[in-house]
Structures are given as C-alpha cells and as structure tokens.
Amino acid sequence: MTCGASLQRQRQSENENEEVALKDVHHTVNDGREEVRDGGLEVQGIHIDDKRSRGARSILLGLSWLDRFLAAFVLLAMILGVIIGKFANNVEAVLTGTTLNGVSIPIVIGLLVMMWPILTKVQYERLPVLFRTVHIWRQVWLSLVLNWIIGPFIMLAVAWATLPDLPTYRTGVIMVGLARCIAMVMIWNHLARGDVDYCAILVIINSILQIILYSPMSLFFVNVISKENDALKLEYGQTAIAVLIYLGIPLAAGVVTRWLGLMTLGKDKFEHKFLPYFGPLALIGLLYTIILIFAEQATRILDNIGEVFRVFVPMICYFVIMWTGTFFLVYILTKRKGGSKRYGYKMAVVQSFTAGSNNFELAIAVCIAVYGVDSDQALAATIGPLVEVPVLLGLTYVSLYFERKLNWGEREPEKVEGGGV
C-alpha cells in the first residue's frame, strides 16, 4: 500500500510539473502574431473578438491583405510573366546574362528574398522551453512519421497515378512533396485555432531537417524509386549545393536578423513592429520570382497549357488526402481512453496542416538550380502556391466546422493550457 501510494504521488507530481512547463511555454513565449487582448486576439495588428473567431469573416480578417489575396496575386503574377515573356524583347538574354550556380542573378535574389523573412519568424530561442514536456515528444514523433515518411510517399503515389506520361512535371511535383512547410502552416494553424506553441516547434524541427534530408531524399525518390532516365536524375552534390544556397543562406540570415532584432528592438517591438513590415517581403519575393519564371517559360506554357493544368490534380489530391487522413487520425487517437489529454482538436489542427502543407519556395529554388529556370520541373513546382493557398484556406473552414460538430472530449479550446497534458 505504501509503495502504491508513493507511486501515485510520484505520477501526480510528474503531471503537475508537466502542466507547469506547458504554462511556462504559453506565458513566456509569443509567436509574434497572436496576442491576448481585451478578451480577443490580435493577429497582425487586427483585433478579432473571440465570439467571432470561428466565423468565415474572422478567417479572412486573420490574414494580412497580401496573404488574403495571395492566390489571386499568384495567378496575376503568372499571367503578367507570360505577357512579358511573349511580348517583351530580350527577356531570356537579360535573365541569363549573369548567373550563380547556373541560376540567373535576378532569380537568385528573388529566391533568397522569399525565404529570408520566413526563417526570421522561426523562434529558435523557444527550443529549451518547448522541449520540457513528454507530450511534445509524442507530437514530434507523430509529425516526423507523417511529414518525412508518409507525406513524401503519398505525393509520389499521386504524381505517378495522375502524371504517368509526363515525367518532367511529375519530378517537379515529387520535389514539392519532399519539402515540408515552414511558413504558411503557421497562418493556417492560427486561423483554425490550433496550438501555436506546438506548431512552432514542428516548424523549427522541419527547418533543420530540410537542410539534412532534402538532398538525399530527393535522390532516393527521383533516382531510386522513380528510376528516372539520366536526363532527369539528380546529382547529390548539385542538389546539396542548391539546398545550402537557397535554404542555408536565408536560414543564417534569418537567425542573425532575429538575434539582432531582439537585441536592439526588444521582443515586443521586434514581433509587433518589425515583423509585420518585414514579413510581407517573403510573399513579394515569391511573386517577383514567379513573374520571372513565367516570363522565361512563356512560349512553353502557351504551347503546353493542358499539361500545365494537369499538374493541379496531384497537388489537390495530396493536400486533401494528407490533411483529411491526419486530421481524423488524431481524432481517432483523441477518442481513445485518455486521448483528449494527449491530443484533442488543437493537436489535430497542428498535425494536419503541418502534414498537408509544403515548402514550395524551397522546391522552386532547388528545381531551378538543378534543372534550370526554363524546365518543366521548375514550372510544376511554381504551380504549388496557386493550388495550396485556396485549398488550405478552405480546409481552415472545414477544421472549424468539425471543431463544433465532433465530440473532442475536452474543455473549450480557448481555456486549455498548452494544448494537452
């Protein structure tokens, strides 16, 4: 009896310590976009009342104007690029005049600019606090399996199923499937009322793993599994250099920018004054890069418009399959005994949007560096944001609908400390 009572007290003490650690996460850390104020939320400077936070209007209000109309801007950038490429003189000569590792300098600038703000927003300083609880490790392992094993194979399968006769476009789609999302997922997670802190740590882990895993996994999926011909095969050295340039450089720049910003401006000014103005530079860089890519490929796009639209199919299938499968997997885990404390709605949102999103910026950069700006692979990767943004925005509505309709067996999400125990 004494031994049993002692063991029970020990378990109770461990649970209390974990709850304290989770509270520390929420009280000491802020992601730079969400702040509790007057019973509501402040998102990128826009106040949203909690009573309205589940509505369709609040989802749009939670986005900056550039995020809100990103899909439309991407489409306009594509059209503008084609018009420039078709009617302007010497476009190709200008873009290929000066290069870095085979990529024109104007496009290199765009690729680096679109990655820099994204990696500045990642809160590297949060790692020591976020790794205090056992619950985090449970979520991390689940995310690793979904993102680095299941996700790439799902994209591989849908790419082969829908593009069996288009190997170049198929390769570009596979490259997108290997790049795990580290940017827009933070926005989708917030809008769908997921746990901000757990989402942040998954973003940090994926940022680090992409530098290590993207090159070898690209070779494995393209060269080994797909058995592409010599013209489509990847070389490890070339792919690794591309990842180092287009992820390593902006990652270093992001860490330095964040460190200097926090040191000179302080946490509050850096996150609420600097980042809201600096962040949109990523989307501007993306649109600028898309214009240049489509200007370079204008003739090929117009001659193969049907093939370009076929790339939409595997992208949409992937986003829907990964998001739906992950969301309801976590729901099933939640319904198990004690599952509402380990998972719940917030974790379903975090895991589903992390697994269902991709880092199309990295895929675009590597495809351009390896295959060339005028390649079908680069074109296929560029279509990614045009598909991902409206599909995942729609899935935030679906998330909020299932939050109300399904029995998650937990307290109201806004009252839960840390998303679980």
Protein backbone atom coordinates (compact mmCIF):
# COMPACT_ATOMS: atom_id res chain seq x y z
CA MET A 1 0.00 0.00 0.00
CA THR A 2 2.80 2.40 0.89
CA CYS A 3 4.61 1.61 -2.37
CA GLY A 4 1.38 2.12 -4.38
CA ALA A 5 0.65 5.43 -2.67
CA SER A 6 4.22 6.59 -3.24
CA LEU A 7 3.98 5.68 -6.94
CA GLN A 8 0.67 7.53 -7.26
CA ARG A 9 2.14 10.66 -5.61
CA GLN A 10 5.14 10.46 -7.98
CA ARG A 11 2.90 10.29 -11.05
CA GLN A 12 0.80 13.18 -9.75
CA SER A 13 3.96 15.21 -9.20
CA GLU A 14 5.18 14.47 -12.75
CA ASN A 15 1.84 15.57 -14.22
CA GLU A 16 1.94 18.79 -12.18
CA ASN A 17 5.49 19.52 -13.36
CA GLU A 18 4.47 18.96 -16.97
CA GLU A 19 1.48 21.29 -16.59
CA VAL A 20 3.76 23.97 -15.12
CA ALA A 21 6.17 23.59 -18.04
CA LEU A 22 3.32 23.91 -20.52
CA LYS A 23 2.08 27.04 -18.77
CA ASP A 24 5.60 28.45 -18.93
CA VAL A 25 5.53 27.91 -22.68
CA HIS A 26 2.35 29.91 -23.08
CA HIS A 27 3.21 32.66 -20.62
CA THR A 28 6.82 33.22 -21.63
CA VAL A 29 6.63 32.74 -25.37
CA ASN A 30 4.71 34.58 -28.07
CA ASP A 31 4.85 33.74 -31.76
CA GLY A 32 4.89 37.34 -32.99
CA ARG A 33 1.40 37.23 -34.44
CA GLU A 34 -1.00 36.33 -31.64
CA GLU A 35 -1.61 38.37 -28.53
CA VAL A 36 -4.43 38.12 -25.96
CA ARG A 37 -6.11 41.48 -25.62
CA ASP A 38 -9.50 42.57 -24.27
CA GLY A 39 -10.96 39.08 -24.42
CA GLY A 40 -9.96 38.56 -28.03
CA LEU A 41 -6.99 38.03 -30.32
CA GLU A 42 -4.75 40.44 -32.13
CA VAL A 43 -3.49 38.96 -35.39
CA GLN A 44 -1.02 41.01 -37.42
CA GLY A 45 -2.44 44.17 -35.90
CA ILE A 46 -6.11 43.23 -36.42
CA HIS A 47 -8.26 42.64 -33.34
CA ILE A 48 -10.65 39.69 -33.54
CA ASP A 49 -13.27 39.11 -30.89
CA ASP A 50 -13.38 35.54 -29.56
CA LYS A 51 -17.11 35.37 -30.21
CA ARG A 52 -16.48 35.89 -33.88
CA SER A 53 -13.27 33.89 -34.14
CA ARG A 54 -14.98 30.81 -35.54
CA GLY A 55 -16.73 32.60 -38.38
CA ALA A 56 -15.72 32.79 -42.01
CA ARG A 57 -15.16 36.53 -41.80
CA SER A 58 -12.65 36.18 -38.97
CA ILE A 59 -10.58 33.75 -41.04
CA LEU A 60 -10.13 36.40 -43.71
CA LEU A 61 -9.53 39.12 -41.12
CA GLY A 62 -6.79 36.98 -39.60
CA LEU A 63 -4.79 37.28 -42.81
CA SER A 64 -2.82 40.29 -43.93
CA TRP A 65 -4.10 41.79 -47.18
CA LEU A 66 -1.23 40.16 -49.08
CA ASP A 67 -1.97 36.72 -47.56
CA ARG A 68 -5.70 37.19 -48.08
CA PHE A 69 -5.38 37.61 -51.83
CA LEU A 70 -2.24 35.51 -52.34
CA ALA A 71 -3.88 33.01 -54.72
CA ALA A 72 -5.17 35.87 -56.88
CA PHE A 73 -1.78 37.60 -56.78
CA VAL A 74 -0.01 34.37 -57.77
CA LEU A 75 -2.39 33.95 -60.73
CA LEU A 76 -1.86 37.57 -61.78
CA ALA A 77 1.92 37.16 -61.46
CA MET A 78 1.77 34.11 -63.73
CA ILE A 79 -0.31 35.97 -66.33
CA LEU A 80 1.94 39.03 -66.15
CA GLY A 81 5.03 36.84 -66.55
CA VAL A 82 3.60 35.15 -69.65
CA ILE A 83 2.68 38.54 -71.17
CA ILE A 84 6.18 39.90 -70.52
CA GLY A 85 7.84 36.79 -71.90
CA LYS A 86 5.65 36.77 -75.00
CA PHE A 87 5.82 40.43 -76.00
CA ALA A 88 8.94 41.94 -74.38
CA ASN A 89 12.23 41.79 -76.25
CA ASN A 90 15.41 40.08 -74.99
CA VAL A 91 13.83 38.70 -71.79
CA GLU A 92 15.85 35.48 -71.92
CA ALA A 93 19.10 37.35 -72.61
CA VAL A 94 18.53 39.59 -69.59
CA LEU A 95 17.69 36.69 -67.25
CA THR A 96 20.61 34.52 -68.31
CA GLY A 97 23.23 37.27 -68.54
CA THR A 98 24.76 36.75 -65.09
CA THR A 99 24.34 33.52 -63.12
CA LEU A 100 25.14 31.91 -59.77
CA ASN A 101 25.49 28.12 -59.89
CA GLY A 102 23.62 28.16 -63.20
CA VAL A 103 20.73 30.36 -61.98
CA SER A 104 20.32 33.94 -63.16
CA ILE A 105 21.13 36.57 -60.55
CA PRO A 106 17.69 38.27 -60.71
CA ILE A 107 16.03 34.93 -59.88
CA VAL A 108 18.63 34.13 -57.19
CA ILE A 109 17.75 37.41 -55.48
CA GLY A 110 14.06 36.58 -55.60
CA LEU A 111 14.59 33.07 -54.20
CA LEU A 112 16.70 34.31 -51.29
CA VAL A 113 14.35 37.20 -50.50
CA MET A 114 11.28 34.96 -50.32
CA MET A 115 13.00 32.58 -47.84
CA TRP A 116 14.67 35.15 -45.57
CA PRO A 117 11.61 36.56 -43.71
CA ILE A 118 10.12 33.09 -43.31
CA LEU A 119 13.19 31.85 -41.46
CA THR A 120 13.41 35.07 -39.44
CA LYS A 121 9.99 34.34 -37.93
CA VAL A 122 11.01 30.89 -36.66
CA GLN A 123 11.54 31.24 -32.91
CA TYR A 124 14.74 29.32 -32.35
CA GLU A 125 15.06 30.70 -28.82
CA ARG A 126 11.99 28.70 -27.78
CA LEU A 127 13.61 25.28 -28.10
CA PRO A 128 14.76 24.93 -24.45
CA VAL A 129 11.27 25.77 -23.13
CA LEU A 130 9.34 23.74 -25.66
CA PHE A 131 11.28 20.52 -25.08
CA ARG A 132 10.41 20.30 -21.39
CA THR A 133 7.37 18.02 -21.68
CA VAL A 134 6.86 14.40 -22.68
CA HIS A 135 3.75 15.43 -24.59
CA ILE A 136 5.86 17.42 -27.04
CA TRP A 137 7.96 14.38 -27.90
CA ARG A 138 4.78 12.40 -28.62
CA GLN A 139 3.69 15.08 -31.10
CA VAL A 140 7.17 15.36 -32.60
CA TRP A 141 7.42 11.63 -33.37
CA LEU A 142 3.94 11.60 -34.90
CA SER A 143 4.84 14.61 -37.04
CA LEU A 144 8.13 13.07 -38.19
CA VAL A 145 6.36 9.93 -39.41
CA LEU A 146 3.65 11.94 -41.20
CA ASN A 147 5.96 14.54 -42.74
CA TRP A 148 9.07 12.60 -43.65
CA ILE A 149 7.73 9.11 -44.39
CA ILE A 150 4.01 9.08 -45.23
CA GLY A 151 3.76 12.52 -46.89
CA PRO A 152 6.52 12.06 -49.50
CA PHE A 153 5.20 8.62 -50.44
CA ILE A 154 1.64 9.96 -50.81
CA MET A 155 2.89 12.68 -53.19
CA LEU A 156 4.96 10.09 -55.07
CA ALA A 157 1.88 7.89 -55.47
CA VAL A 158 -0.48 10.63 -56.67
CA ALA A 159 2.20 12.04 -59.00
CA TRP A 160 2.64 8.66 -60.71
CA ALA A 161 -1.11 7.99 -60.74
CA THR A 162 -2.02 11.30 -62.38
CA LEU A 163 1.10 12.12 -64.45
CA PRO A 164 2.39 8.76 -65.72
CA ASP A 165 3.13 10.19 -69.18
CA LEU A 166 4.68 13.48 -68.01
CA PRO A 167 7.96 12.55 -66.27
CA THR A 168 9.37 16.08 -66.12
CA TYR A 169 6.27 17.58 -64.50
CA ARG A 170 5.98 14.51 -62.26
CA THR A 171 9.50 15.06 -60.97
CA GLY A 172 8.67 18.67 -60.08
CA VAL A 173 5.59 17.53 -58.17
CA ILE A 174 7.66 14.93 -56.27
CA MET A 175 10.18 17.64 -55.34
CA VAL A 176 7.33 19.70 -53.87
CA GLY A 177 6.15 16.71 -51.82
CA LEU A 178 9.58 16.36 -50.22
CA ALA A 179 9.72 19.97 -49.00
CA ARG A 180 7.95 20.29 -45.66
CA CYS A 181 6.12 23.53 -44.93
CA ILE A 182 7.74 26.05 -42.57
CA ALA A 183 5.86 29.26 -43.44
CA MET A 184 2.17 29.30 -44.30
CA VAL A 185 1.45 26.46 -41.86
CA MET A 186 1.76 28.96 -39.01
CA ILE A 187 -1.01 31.05 -40.57
CA TRP A 188 -3.35 28.11 -41.23
CA ASN A 189 -2.75 26.77 -37.72
CA HIS A 190 -3.65 30.06 -36.11
CA LEU A 191 -6.78 30.62 -38.19
CA ALA A 192 -8.06 27.11 -37.40
CA ARG A 193 -7.40 27.65 -33.66
CA GLY A 194 -4.55 25.15 -33.36
CA ASP A 195 -1.88 25.21 -30.69
CA VAL A 196 0.64 27.91 -31.59
CA ASP A 197 3.49 26.58 -29.47
CA TYR A 198 3.45 23.01 -30.74
CA CYS A 199 3.17 24.28 -34.30
CA ALA A 200 6.23 26.46 -33.71
CA ILE A 201 8.40 23.58 -32.56
CA LEU A 202 7.39 21.43 -35.55
CA VAL A 203 8.33 24.32 -37.83
CA ILE A 204 11.74 24.60 -36.17
CA ILE A 205 12.37 20.85 -36.49
CA ASN A 206 11.31 20.79 -40.15
CA SER A 207 13.54 23.78 -40.88
CA ILE A 208 16.57 21.94 -39.52
CA LEU A 209 15.71 18.57 -41.05
CA GLN A 210 15.24 20.04 -44.52
CA ILE A 211 18.90 21.04 -44.67
CA ILE A 212 19.91 17.49 -43.72
CA LEU A 213 17.30 15.35 -45.50
CA TYR A 214 16.07 17.19 -48.61
CA SER A 215 19.05 16.32 -50.81
CA PRO A 216 19.33 12.57 -50.03
CA MET A 217 15.55 12.10 -50.08
CA SER A 218 15.31 13.86 -53.45
CA LEU A 219 17.85 11.46 -54.92
CA PHE A 220 16.11 8.47 -53.33
CA PHE A 221 12.64 9.35 -54.62
CA VAL A 222 13.68 10.55 -58.09
CA ASN A 223 16.65 8.33 -58.92
CA VAL A 224 15.96 5.13 -56.97
CA ILE A 225 12.19 4.75 -56.60
CA SER A 226 11.05 6.56 -59.75
CA LYS A 227 14.06 5.28 -61.74
CA GLU A 228 14.05 8.33 -63.97
CA ASN A 229 16.28 8.38 -67.03
CA ASP A 230 19.68 10.02 -66.99
CA ALA A 231 18.30 13.37 -68.15
CA LEU A 232 16.05 13.61 -65.07
CA LYS A 233 18.36 12.10 -62.45
CA LEU A 234 19.62 14.25 -59.62
CA GLU A 235 23.24 14.52 -58.52
CA TYR A 236 23.77 14.71 -54.78
CA GLY A 237 26.46 17.39 -54.92
CA GLN A 238 24.41 19.68 -57.14
CA THR A 239 21.24 19.19 -55.08
CA ALA A 240 23.08 19.68 -51.78
CA ILE A 241 24.67 22.91 -53.04
CA ALA A 242 21.25 24.19 -54.12
CA VAL A 243 19.78 23.42 -50.68
CA LEU A 244 22.78 25.02 -48.98
CA ILE A 245 22.43 28.20 -51.05
CA TYR A 246 18.67 28.62 -51.03
CA LEU A 247 17.97 27.32 -47.53
CA GLY A 248 21.31 27.64 -45.74
CA ILE A 249 21.95 31.29 -46.64
CA PRO A 250 18.45 32.57 -45.74
CA LEU A 251 18.48 30.39 -42.59
CA ALA A 252 21.71 32.04 -41.45
CA ALA A 253 20.33 35.45 -42.42
CA GLY A 254 17.11 34.71 -40.55
CA VAL A 255 18.91 33.67 -37.37
CA VAL A 256 21.16 36.75 -37.46
CA THR A 257 18.25 39.09 -38.24
CA ARG A 258 16.18 37.66 -35.41
CA TRP A 259 19.04 37.83 -32.93
CA LEU A 260 19.95 41.41 -33.84
CA GLY A 261 16.29 42.44 -33.84
CA LEU A 262 15.62 41.00 -30.41
CA MET A 263 18.83 42.52 -29.05
CA THR A 264 18.28 46.02 -30.43
CA LEU A 265 14.49 46.40 -30.51
CA GLY A 266 13.39 44.09 -27.74
CA LYS A 267 10.89 41.25 -28.07
CA ASP A 268 7.74 43.36 -28.19
CA LYS A 269 8.88 45.87 -30.83
CA PHE A 270 10.58 43.19 -32.92
CA GLU A 271 7.50 40.98 -33.08
CA HIS A 272 4.80 43.65 -33.28
CA LYS A 273 6.56 46.47 -35.12
CA PHE A 274 9.36 44.97 -37.23
CA LEU A 275 8.00 41.57 -38.34
CA PRO A 276 4.62 42.84 -39.65
CA TYR A 277 6.52 45.07 -42.10
CA PHE A 278 9.39 42.66 -42.81
CA GLY A 279 7.26 39.52 -43.23
CA PRO A 280 5.43 40.52 -46.46
CA LEU A 281 8.82 40.72 -48.17
CA ALA A 282 8.67 36.91 -48.49
CA LEU A 283 5.46 36.98 -50.50
CA ILE A 284 6.72 39.89 -52.59
CA GLY A 285 9.85 37.85 -53.34
CA LEU A 286 7.67 34.87 -54.29
CA LEU A 287 5.55 36.93 -56.70
CA TYR A 288 8.65 38.53 -58.20
CA THR A 289 10.21 35.08 -58.75
CA ILE A 290 7.02 33.71 -60.32
CA ILE A 291 6.90 36.62 -62.78
CA LEU A 292 10.48 35.92 -63.88
CA ILE A 293 9.91 32.14 -64.16
CA PHE A 294 6.78 32.55 -66.28
CA ALA A 295 8.43 35.24 -68.40
CA GLU A 296 11.22 32.76 -69.12
CA GLN A 297 8.75 29.96 -69.89
CA ALA A 298 6.01 31.91 -71.69
CA THR A 299 6.28 30.09 -75.00
CA ARG A 300 6.45 26.62 -73.40
CA ILE A 301 3.43 27.36 -71.18
CA LEU A 302 1.25 28.53 -74.08
CA ASP A 303 2.26 25.55 -76.20
CA ASN A 304 1.55 23.06 -73.37
CA ILE A 305 -1.33 24.67 -71.45
CA GLY A 306 -3.17 21.35 -71.00
CA GLU A 307 -0.17 19.70 -69.36
CA VAL A 308 0.27 22.66 -67.04
CA PHE A 309 -3.31 22.34 -65.80
CA ARG A 310 -2.85 18.61 -65.25
CA VAL A 311 -0.29 19.44 -62.54
CA PHE A 312 -3.16 20.82 -60.45
CA VAL A 313 -4.61 17.33 -59.99
CA PRO A 314 -1.83 15.63 -57.95
CA MET A 315 -1.35 18.79 -55.88
CA ILE A 316 -5.02 18.97 -54.89
CA CYS A 317 -5.18 15.22 -54.23
CA TYR A 318 -2.13 15.40 -51.98
CA PHE A 319 -3.35 18.34 -49.88
CA VAL A 320 -6.79 16.79 -49.35
CA ILE A 321 -5.55 13.24 -48.65
CA MET A 322 -2.80 14.29 -46.20
CA TRP A 323 -4.93 16.83 -44.35
CA THR A 324 -8.02 14.62 -44.08
CA GLY A 325 -6.09 11.49 -43.13
CA THR A 326 -4.06 13.26 -40.45
CA PHE A 327 -6.99 15.23 -39.01
CA PHE A 328 -9.14 12.15 -38.50
CA LEU A 329 -6.20 10.04 -37.33
CA VAL A 330 -5.70 12.48 -34.46
CA TYR A 331 -9.47 12.48 -33.85
CA ILE A 332 -9.41 8.67 -33.52
CA LEU A 333 -6.45 8.91 -31.13
CA THR A 334 -8.37 11.55 -29.17
CA LYS A 335 -11.36 9.22 -28.71
CA ARG A 336 -9.19 6.53 -27.11
CA LYS A 337 -9.02 6.37 -23.33
CA GLY A 338 -7.10 9.40 -22.09
CA GLY A 339 -6.68 10.63 -25.66
CA SER A 340 -8.34 14.02 -25.11
CA LYS A 341 -5.49 14.98 -22.78
CA ARG A 342 -2.78 13.85 -25.21
CA TYR A 343 -4.27 15.04 -28.50
CA GLY A 344 -7.59 16.88 -28.94
CA TYR A 345 -8.72 19.41 -31.53
CA LYS A 346 -5.71 21.71 -31.22
CA MET A 347 -3.30 18.88 -31.96
CA ALA A 348 -5.47 17.70 -34.88
CA VAL A 349 -5.10 21.17 -36.43
CA VAL A 350 -1.35 21.35 -35.81
CA GLN A 351 -0.61 17.91 -37.23
CA SER A 352 -2.99 18.06 -40.21
CA PHE A 353 -1.85 21.44 -41.50
CA THR A 354 1.83 20.61 -40.93
CA ALA A 355 1.46 17.33 -42.83
CA GLY A 356 -0.79 18.81 -45.53
CA SER A 357 1.40 21.79 -46.44
CA ASN A 358 4.62 22.08 -48.42
CA ASN A 359 7.57 24.45 -48.66
CA PHE A 360 7.05 25.29 -52.32
CA GLU A 361 9.66 28.08 -52.05
CA LEU A 362 12.42 25.52 -51.43
CA ALA A 363 11.12 23.19 -54.15
CA ILE A 364 11.06 26.07 -56.65
CA ALA A 365 14.62 27.11 -55.71
CA VAL A 366 16.08 23.59 -56.00
CA CYS A 367 14.27 22.78 -59.26
CA ILE A 368 15.56 26.00 -60.82
CA ALA A 369 19.10 25.37 -59.58
CA VAL A 370 19.19 21.72 -60.67
CA TYR A 371 17.03 21.60 -63.80
CA GLY A 372 17.05 25.24 -64.93
CA VAL A 373 14.59 28.12 -64.86
CA ASP A 374 13.11 27.02 -68.19
CA SER A 375 12.47 23.44 -67.05
CA ASP A 376 9.13 21.66 -66.65
CA GLN A 377 10.19 20.72 -63.11
CA ALA A 378 10.51 24.38 -62.08
CA LEU A 379 7.19 25.18 -63.73
CA ALA A 380 5.43 22.34 -61.88
CA ALA A 381 6.88 23.49 -58.54
CA THR A 382 5.77 27.06 -59.24
CA ILE A 383 2.15 25.95 -59.58
CA GLY A 384 2.30 24.80 -55.93
CA PRO A 385 1.31 28.09 -54.23
CA LEU A 386 -1.53 28.68 -56.71
CA VAL A 387 -3.07 25.37 -55.57
CA GLU A 388 -2.04 25.26 -51.91
CA VAL A 389 -3.31 28.65 -50.77
CA PRO A 390 -7.02 28.32 -51.73
CA VAL A 391 -7.18 24.61 -50.82
CA LEU A 392 -5.71 25.02 -47.33
CA LEU A 393 -7.66 28.22 -46.70
CA GLY A 394 -10.79 26.20 -47.45
CA LEU A 395 -9.62 23.48 -45.06
CA THR A 396 -9.45 26.02 -42.22
CA TYR A 397 -13.23 26.39 -42.61
CA VAL A 398 -13.55 22.59 -42.56
CA SER A 399 -11.47 22.44 -39.35
CA LEU A 400 -13.65 24.95 -37.56
CA TYR A 401 -16.77 23.10 -38.70
CA PHE A 402 -15.51 19.80 -37.25
CA GLU A 403 -14.40 21.53 -34.07
CA ARG A 404 -18.09 22.23 -33.39
CA LYS A 405 -19.61 19.08 -34.87
CA LEU A 406 -17.31 16.38 -33.45
CA ASN A 407 -17.03 15.43 -29.78
CA TRP A 408 -13.41 16.02 -28.87
CA GLY A 409 -13.97 15.15 -25.20
CA GLU A 410 -12.10 18.19 -23.95
CA ARG A 411 -12.72 21.62 -22.49
CA GLU A 412 -13.27 24.59 -24.76
CA PRO A 413 -10.03 25.14 -26.78
CA GLU A 414 -9.56 28.72 -25.62
CA LYS A 415 -9.43 27.53 -21.99
CA VAL A 416 -6.88 24.74 -22.50
CA GLU A 417 -3.35 25.47 -21.31
CA GLY A 418 -0.70 24.11 -23.67
CA GLY A 419 -2.98 22.08 -25.95
CA GLY A 420 -2.75 18.92 -23.79
CA VAL A 421 -1.01 17.21 -20.94
